[in-house]
Amino acid sequence: MNIAEYPFKTTPYEHQLKSLQRSLHRQEYAYFLEMGLGKSKVLLDNAAILFDEGKIDALAIILIFLD
């Protein structure tokens, strides 16, 4: 799949697109972006692409807040 042609609902910023290109189709990947740079958006975009390709049918997001 060509990421540039994917019909994003919200167009990703350049750094988000680069992160998505690097992480797409990997079984394990960590997003080490600074707070506020859109890690959740990249994760959701990745999941949407995998869903469209029939590779996943569910997604669970677990947020852990530490003091």
C-alpha atoms as a PDB file:
ATOM      1  CA  MET A   1       0.000   0.000   0.000  1.00  0.00           C
ATOM      2  CA  ASN A   2       1.193   3.489  -0.851  1.00  0.00           C
ATOM      3  CA  ILE A   3       0.704   5.654   2.232  1.00  0.00           C
ATOM      4  CA  ALA A   4       0.581   8.844   0.162  1.00  0.00           C
ATOM      5  CA  GLU A   5      -2.657   7.621  -1.495  1.00  0.00           C
ATOM      6  CA  TYR A   6      -4.411   6.506   1.690  1.00  0.00           C
ATOM      7  CA  PRO A   7      -7.633   8.507   2.280  1.00  0.00           C
ATOM      8  CA  PHE A   8      -6.869   9.862   5.753  1.00  0.00           C
ATOM      9  CA  LYS A   9      -9.808  11.412   7.560  1.00  0.00           C
ATOM     10  CA  THR A  10      -7.400  13.943   9.079  1.00  0.00           C
ATOM     11  CA  THR A  11      -4.219  14.588   7.102  1.00  0.00           C
ATOM     12  CA  PRO A  12      -1.155  13.670   9.161  1.00  0.00           C
ATOM     13  CA  TYR A  13       1.716  16.066   9.664  1.00  0.00           C
ATOM     14  CA  GLU A  14       5.022  15.198   7.999  1.00  0.00           C
ATOM     15  CA  HIS A  15       6.564  13.721  11.169  1.00  0.00           C
ATOM     16  CA  GLN A  16       3.452  11.598  11.737  1.00  0.00           C
ATOM     17  CA  LEU A  17       3.566  10.319   8.171  1.00  0.00           C
ATOM     18  CA  LYS A  18       7.237   9.358   8.572  1.00  0.00           C
ATOM     19  CA  SER A  19       6.449   7.501  11.794  1.00  0.00           C
ATOM     20  CA  LEU A  20       3.564   5.706  10.109  1.00  0.00           C
ATOM     21  CA  GLN A  21       5.723   4.673   7.155  1.00  0.00           C
ATOM     22  CA  ARG A  22       8.328   3.235   9.520  1.00  0.00           C
ATOM     23  CA  SER A  23       5.853   1.349  11.681  1.00  0.00           C
ATOM     24  CA  LEU A  24       3.363   0.063   9.128  1.00  0.00           C
ATOM     25  CA  HIS A  25       3.112  -3.735   8.946  1.00  0.00           C
ATOM     26  CA  ARG A  26       5.570  -4.351  11.796  1.00  0.00           C
ATOM     27  CA  GLN A  27       4.485  -6.684  14.541  1.00  0.00           C
ATOM     28  CA  GLU A  28       6.277  -4.647  17.189  1.00  0.00           C
ATOM     29  CA  TYR A  29       7.047  -0.951  17.152  1.00  0.00           C
ATOM     30  CA  ALA A  30       7.279   1.860  19.695  1.00  0.00           C
ATOM     31  CA  TYR A  31       6.560   5.524  19.025  1.00  0.00           C
ATOM     32  CA  PHE A  32       9.103   7.609  20.939  1.00  0.00           C
ATOM     33  CA  LEU A  33       7.715  11.019  20.046  1.00  0.00           C
ATOM     34  CA  GLU A  34       7.520  13.946  22.408  1.00  0.00           C
ATOM     35  CA  MET A  35       4.266  14.604  24.199  1.00  0.00           C
ATOM     36  CA  GLY A  36       1.723  16.354  21.988  1.00  0.00           C
ATOM     37  CA  LEU A  37       3.169  15.264  18.633  1.00  0.00           C
ATOM     38  CA  GLY A  38       0.366  12.866  17.767  1.00  0.00           C
ATOM     39  CA  LYS A  39       1.424   9.344  18.728  1.00  0.00           C
ATOM     40  CA  SER A  40      -2.202   8.306  19.184  1.00  0.00           C
ATOM     41  CA  LYS A  41      -3.133   9.555  15.715  1.00  0.00           C
ATOM     42  CA  VAL A  42      -0.311   7.569  14.128  1.00  0.00           C
ATOM     43  CA  LEU A  43      -1.369   4.480  16.055  1.00  0.00           C
ATOM     44  CA  LEU A  44      -5.003   4.871  14.968  1.00  0.00           C
ATOM     45  CA  ASP A  45      -3.978   5.490  11.336  1.00  0.00           C
ATOM     46  CA  ASN A  46      -1.850   2.345  11.429  1.00  0.00           C
ATOM     47  CA  ALA A  47      -4.733   0.346  12.881  1.00  0.00           C
ATOM     48  CA  ALA A  48      -7.133   1.728  10.258  1.00  0.00           C
ATOM     49  CA  ILE A  49      -4.828   0.668   7.443  1.00  0.00           C
ATOM     50  CA  LEU A  50      -4.391  -2.812   8.921  1.00  0.00           C
ATOM     51  CA  PHE A  51      -8.181  -3.078   9.376  1.00  0.00           C
ATOM     52  CA  ASP A  52      -8.792  -2.050   5.758  1.00  0.00           C
ATOM     53  CA  GLU A  53      -6.348  -4.759   4.662  1.00  0.00           C
ATOM     54  CA  GLY A  54      -8.176  -7.351   6.775  1.00  0.00           C
ATOM     55  CA  LYS A  55      -5.159  -7.948   9.018  1.00  0.00           C
ATOM     56  CA  ILE A  56      -6.853  -6.947  12.279  1.00  0.00           C
ATOM     57  CA  ASP A  57     -10.447  -6.783  13.433  1.00  0.00           C
ATOM     58  CA  ALA A  58     -10.052  -5.108  16.824  1.00  0.00           C
ATOM     59  CA  LEU A  59      -7.849  -2.666  18.700  1.00  0.00           C
ATOM     60  CA  ALA A  60      -7.349  -2.168  22.434  1.00  0.00           C
ATOM     61  CA  ILE A  61      -5.643   0.959  23.713  1.00  0.00           C
ATOM     62  CA  ILE A  62      -4.455   0.954  27.310  1.00  0.00           C
ATOM     63  CA  LEU A  63      -3.458   4.270  28.813  1.00  0.00           C
ATOM     64  CA  ILE A  64      -1.298   4.330  31.892  1.00  0.00           C
ATOM     65  CA  PHE A  65      -0.904   7.570  33.771  1.00  0.00           C
ATOM     66  CA  LEU A  66       1.968   7.758  36.206  1.00  0.00           C
ATOM     67  CA  ASP A  67       2.482  10.516  38.742  1.00  0.00           C
END
